[in-house]
Amino acid sequence: MNKNININIVLLNKNAQIPKKQHDIDIGYDLYSSSEYELIPKKITIIETGIAFELPINFGGFVLPRSGLAYKHGITSINSPGLIDPGYTGEIKVPLINHSDNLYKIKKGDRFAQLVFIQVNNADFNDVEKLDVTLRADKGFGSTG
């Protein structure tokens, strides 16, 4: 029942790598750095992957941080999740922030983020006078406990 989507990808430099899963049942595809970087504490650094791809219509890509980098080193994506729309075909670049007090180095070929694909439908918004009453209603953040 699983149907893979076909994604055309361009490797923009000799260090670029096609995203890969570590295990067949994983959801996220690892993104790899195509250059070396020093992540300065409390600063944002744009990490280049050296890849560009085109997504099918109704598909998007979410770029997410790697939990090990976040937990062990305080490194995460500043705009997580980063959304890649199907119309974007430029190089995939990820803004990482170093929340720690220590310099962190990323080498060529290091896994630093992951990519998850989503399929979506378009929405039609209906302008109405009133919404249906629900248990949660307008209780706001944290209203589920």
C-alpha atoms as a PDB file:
ATOM      1  CA  MET A   1       0.000   0.000   0.000  1.00  0.00           C
ATOM      2  CA  ASN A   2       3.004   2.344   0.411  1.00  0.00           C
ATOM      3  CA  LYS A   3       3.612   4.433  -2.657  1.00  0.00           C
ATOM      4  CA  ASN A   4       6.890   6.285  -2.941  1.00  0.00           C
ATOM      5  CA  ILE A   5       6.921   9.759  -4.441  1.00  0.00           C
ATOM      6  CA  ASN A   6       9.470  10.573  -7.118  1.00  0.00           C
ATOM      7  CA  ILE A   7      11.638  13.584  -6.414  1.00  0.00           C
ATOM      8  CA  ASN A   8      14.109  14.975  -8.930  1.00  0.00           C
ATOM      9  CA  ILE A   9      17.274  16.114  -7.157  1.00  0.00           C
ATOM     10  CA  VAL A  10      20.386  17.998  -8.284  1.00  0.00           C
ATOM     11  CA  LEU A  11      23.713  17.686  -6.466  1.00  0.00           C
ATOM     12  CA  LEU A  12      25.108  21.216  -6.687  1.00  0.00           C
ATOM     13  CA  ASN A  13      28.686  20.421  -5.635  1.00  0.00           C
ATOM     14  CA  LYS A  14      31.031  17.467  -5.150  1.00  0.00           C
ATOM     15  CA  ASN A  15      30.326  17.320  -1.396  1.00  0.00           C
ATOM     16  CA  ALA A  16      26.555  17.158  -1.725  1.00  0.00           C
ATOM     17  CA  GLN A  17      24.775  13.966  -0.686  1.00  0.00           C
ATOM     18  CA  ILE A  18      21.315  12.651  -1.429  1.00  0.00           C
ATOM     19  CA  PRO A  19      19.224  12.615   1.789  1.00  0.00           C
ATOM     20  CA  LYS A  20      19.092   9.165   3.386  1.00  0.00           C
ATOM     21  CA  LYS A  21      17.218   7.380   6.136  1.00  0.00           C
ATOM     22  CA  GLN A  22      19.278   5.591   8.782  1.00  0.00           C
ATOM     23  CA  HIS A  23      16.673   2.798   9.042  1.00  0.00           C
ATOM     24  CA  ASP A  24      14.054   1.633   6.544  1.00  0.00           C
ATOM     25  CA  ILE A  25      11.150   2.416   8.886  1.00  0.00           C
ATOM     26  CA  ASP A  26      12.363   5.942   9.749  1.00  0.00           C
ATOM     27  CA  ILE A  27      10.278   8.900   8.625  1.00  0.00           C
ATOM     28  CA  GLY A  28      13.072  11.481   8.417  1.00  0.00           C
ATOM     29  CA  TYR A  29      15.752  11.676   5.735  1.00  0.00           C
ATOM     30  CA  ASP A  30      19.072  12.989   7.028  1.00  0.00           C
ATOM     31  CA  LEU A  31      20.428  16.187   5.494  1.00  0.00           C
ATOM     32  CA  TYR A  32      24.196  16.474   5.173  1.00  0.00           C
ATOM     33  CA  SER A  33      26.455  19.511   5.297  1.00  0.00           C
ATOM     34  CA  SER A  34      28.326  20.196   2.059  1.00  0.00           C
ATOM     35  CA  SER A  35      30.853  22.498   3.787  1.00  0.00           C
ATOM     36  CA  GLU A  36      32.546  23.023   7.144  1.00  0.00           C
ATOM     37  CA  TYR A  37      31.139  25.479   9.671  1.00  0.00           C
ATOM     38  CA  GLU A  38      31.884  26.816  13.113  1.00  0.00           C
ATOM     39  CA  LEU A  39      28.684  27.420  15.052  1.00  0.00           C
ATOM     40  CA  ILE A  40      29.446  30.295  17.378  1.00  0.00           C
ATOM     41  CA  PRO A  41      27.550  30.341  20.687  1.00  0.00           C
ATOM     42  CA  LYS A  42      24.269  32.287  20.556  1.00  0.00           C
ATOM     43  CA  LYS A  43      24.626  32.951  16.803  1.00  0.00           C
ATOM     44  CA  ILE A  44      22.769  31.753  13.702  1.00  0.00           C
ATOM     45  CA  THR A  45      24.669  30.039  10.887  1.00  0.00           C
ATOM     46  CA  ILE A  46      23.211  29.058   7.505  1.00  0.00           C
ATOM     47  CA  ILE A  47      24.218  25.489   6.641  1.00  0.00           C
ATOM     48  CA  GLU A  48      24.294  24.586   2.953  1.00  0.00           C
ATOM     49  CA  THR A  49      23.345  21.098   1.810  1.00  0.00           C
ATOM     50  CA  GLY A  50      24.493  21.396  -1.807  1.00  0.00           C
ATOM     51  CA  ILE A  51      21.190  19.912  -2.998  1.00  0.00           C
ATOM     52  CA  ALA A  52      18.165  21.272  -4.805  1.00  0.00           C
ATOM     53  CA  PHE A  53      15.040  19.299  -5.636  1.00  0.00           C
ATOM     54  CA  GLU A  54      11.552  19.674  -6.992  1.00  0.00           C
ATOM     55  CA  LEU A  55       8.600  18.362  -5.042  1.00  0.00           C
ATOM     56  CA  PRO A  56       5.389  17.177  -6.690  1.00  0.00           C
ATOM     57  CA  ILE A  57       2.315  19.401  -6.426  1.00  0.00           C
ATOM     58  CA  ASN A  58       0.510  18.889  -3.070  1.00  0.00           C
ATOM     59  CA  PHE A  59       3.736  17.812  -1.347  1.00  0.00           C
ATOM     60  CA  GLY A  60       5.884  19.819   1.003  1.00  0.00           C
ATOM     61  CA  GLY A  61       9.025  19.191   2.951  1.00  0.00           C
ATOM     62  CA  PHE A  62       9.584  19.957   6.622  1.00  0.00           C
ATOM     63  CA  VAL A  63      13.171  20.477   7.758  1.00  0.00           C
ATOM     64  CA  LEU A  64      13.488  19.456  11.394  1.00  0.00           C
ATOM     65  CA  PRO A  65      16.379  19.508  13.872  1.00  0.00           C
ATOM     66  CA  ARG A  66      18.160  16.339  14.913  1.00  0.00           C
ATOM     67  CA  SER A  67      17.297  15.534  18.500  1.00  0.00           C
ATOM     68  CA  GLY A  68      20.835  14.389  19.367  1.00  0.00           C
ATOM     69  CA  LEU A  69      22.357  17.710  18.308  1.00  0.00           C
ATOM     70  CA  ALA A  70      19.715  19.608  20.248  1.00  0.00           C
ATOM     71  CA  TYR A  71      20.008  17.554  23.428  1.00  0.00           C
ATOM     72  CA  LYS A  72      23.767  16.991  23.515  1.00  0.00           C
ATOM     73  CA  HIS A  73      25.013  20.286  22.064  1.00  0.00           C
ATOM     74  CA  GLY A  74      22.161  22.834  22.112  1.00  0.00           C
ATOM     75  CA  ILE A  75      22.134  23.031  18.292  1.00  0.00           C
ATOM     76  CA  THR A  76      18.749  23.403  16.602  1.00  0.00           C
ATOM     77  CA  SER A  77      17.070  25.010  13.628  1.00  0.00           C
ATOM     78  CA  ILE A  78      15.967  28.579  14.306  1.00  0.00           C
ATOM     79  CA  ASN A  79      12.809  28.215  12.177  1.00  0.00           C
ATOM     80  CA  SER A  80      11.777  24.690  13.016  1.00  0.00           C
ATOM     81  CA  PRO A  81      10.065  23.321  11.161  1.00  0.00           C
ATOM     82  CA  GLY A  82      11.274  24.946   7.988  1.00  0.00           C
ATOM     83  CA  LEU A  83       8.778  24.483   5.172  1.00  0.00           C
ATOM     84  CA  ILE A  84       9.830  23.723   1.592  1.00  0.00           C
ATOM     85  CA  ASP A  85       7.019  24.442  -0.853  1.00  0.00           C
ATOM     86  CA  PRO A  86       6.735  22.578  -4.174  1.00  0.00           C
ATOM     87  CA  GLY A  87       7.504  25.774  -6.098  1.00  0.00           C
ATOM     88  CA  TYR A  88      10.907  26.232  -4.434  1.00  0.00           C
ATOM     89  CA  THR A  89      13.734  24.621  -6.384  1.00  0.00           C
ATOM     90  CA  GLY A  90      16.777  26.433  -4.987  1.00  0.00           C
ATOM     91  CA  GLU A  91      19.456  25.030  -2.732  1.00  0.00           C
ATOM     92  CA  ILE A  92      18.229  23.682   0.584  1.00  0.00           C
ATOM     93  CA  LYS A  93      19.852  25.756   3.333  1.00  0.00           C
ATOM     94  CA  VAL A  94      19.117  25.456   7.030  1.00  0.00           C
ATOM     95  CA  PRO A  95      19.610  28.190   9.658  1.00  0.00           C
ATOM     96  CA  LEU A  96      21.042  26.586  12.795  1.00  0.00           C
ATOM     97  CA  ILE A  97      21.459  28.320  16.146  1.00  0.00           C
ATOM     98  CA  ASN A  98      23.934  27.323  18.807  1.00  0.00           C
ATOM     99  CA  HIS A  99      22.140  27.791  22.146  1.00  0.00           C
ATOM    100  CA  SER A 100      25.166  26.550  24.098  1.00  0.00           C
ATOM    101  CA  ASP A 101      28.174  28.474  25.390  1.00  0.00           C
ATOM    102  CA  ASN A 102      30.570  26.289  23.386  1.00  0.00           C
ATOM    103  CA  LEU A 103      31.801  26.517  19.812  1.00  0.00           C
ATOM    104  CA  TYR A 104      30.510  23.587  17.746  1.00  0.00           C
ATOM    105  CA  LYS A 105      32.037  22.422  14.456  1.00  0.00           C
ATOM    106  CA  ILE A 106      30.149  20.839  11.591  1.00  0.00           C
ATOM    107  CA  LYS A 107      32.288  18.964   9.074  1.00  0.00           C
ATOM    108  CA  LYS A 108      31.577  18.149   5.442  1.00  0.00           C
ATOM    109  CA  GLY A 109      29.231  15.192   5.352  1.00  0.00           C
ATOM    110  CA  ASP A 110      27.887  15.614   8.900  1.00  0.00           C
ATOM    111  CA  ARG A 111      24.193  14.934   9.414  1.00  0.00           C
ATOM    112  CA  PHE A 112      22.724  18.109  10.899  1.00  0.00           C
ATOM    113  CA  ALA A 113      18.974  18.121  10.161  1.00  0.00           C
ATOM    114  CA  GLN A 114      16.275  15.858   8.817  1.00  0.00           C
ATOM    115  CA  LEU A 115      13.694  16.141   6.086  1.00  0.00           C
ATOM    116  CA  VAL A 116      10.120  14.852   6.321  1.00  0.00           C
ATOM    117  CA  PHE A 117       7.648  14.942   3.439  1.00  0.00           C
ATOM    118  CA  ILE A 118       3.982  15.789   3.832  1.00  0.00           C
ATOM    119  CA  GLN A 119       1.070  15.521   1.434  1.00  0.00           C
ATOM    120  CA  VAL A 120      -1.555  18.233   1.692  1.00  0.00           C
ATOM    121  CA  ASN A 121      -4.810  19.283   0.121  1.00  0.00           C
ATOM    122  CA  ASN A 122      -5.850  22.809  -0.713  1.00  0.00           C
ATOM    123  CA  ALA A 123      -8.460  24.404   1.544  1.00  0.00           C
ATOM    124  CA  ASP A 124     -11.515  26.506   0.834  1.00  0.00           C
ATOM    125  CA  PHE A 125     -12.281  28.938   3.658  1.00  0.00           C
ATOM    126  CA  ASN A 126     -15.950  29.593   4.389  1.00  0.00           C
ATOM    127  CA  ASP A 127     -16.748  32.982   5.958  1.00  0.00           C
ATOM    128  CA  VAL A 128     -19.374  32.211   8.639  1.00  0.00           C
ATOM    129  CA  GLU A 129     -20.947  34.190  11.476  1.00  0.00           C
ATOM    130  CA  LYS A 130     -20.298  31.619  14.214  1.00  0.00           C
ATOM    131  CA  LEU A 131     -18.306  28.424  14.751  1.00  0.00           C
ATOM    132  CA  ASP A 132     -19.655  25.172  16.180  1.00  0.00           C
ATOM    133  CA  VAL A 133     -19.402  24.785  19.960  1.00  0.00           C
ATOM    134  CA  THR A 134     -16.709  22.291  21.048  1.00  0.00           C
ATOM    135  CA  LEU A 135     -15.491  21.027  24.402  1.00  0.00           C
ATOM    136  CA  ARG A 136     -12.214  22.943  24.094  1.00  0.00           C
ATOM    137  CA  ALA A 137     -13.703  26.001  22.333  1.00  0.00           C
ATOM    138  CA  ASP A 138     -11.552  29.114  22.886  1.00  0.00           C
ATOM    139  CA  LYS A 139      -9.801  28.100  26.130  1.00  0.00           C
ATOM    140  CA  GLY A 140      -6.379  28.799  24.552  1.00  0.00           C
ATOM    141  CA  PHE A 141      -2.900  27.384  25.008  1.00  0.00           C
ATOM    142  CA  GLY A 142      -2.643  24.531  27.467  1.00  0.00           C
ATOM    143  CA  SER A 143      -6.387  23.986  27.573  1.00  0.00           C
ATOM    144  CA  THR A 144      -6.035  20.214  27.211  1.00  0.00           C
ATOM    145  CA  GLY A 145      -4.111  19.872  30.448  1.00  0.00           C
END
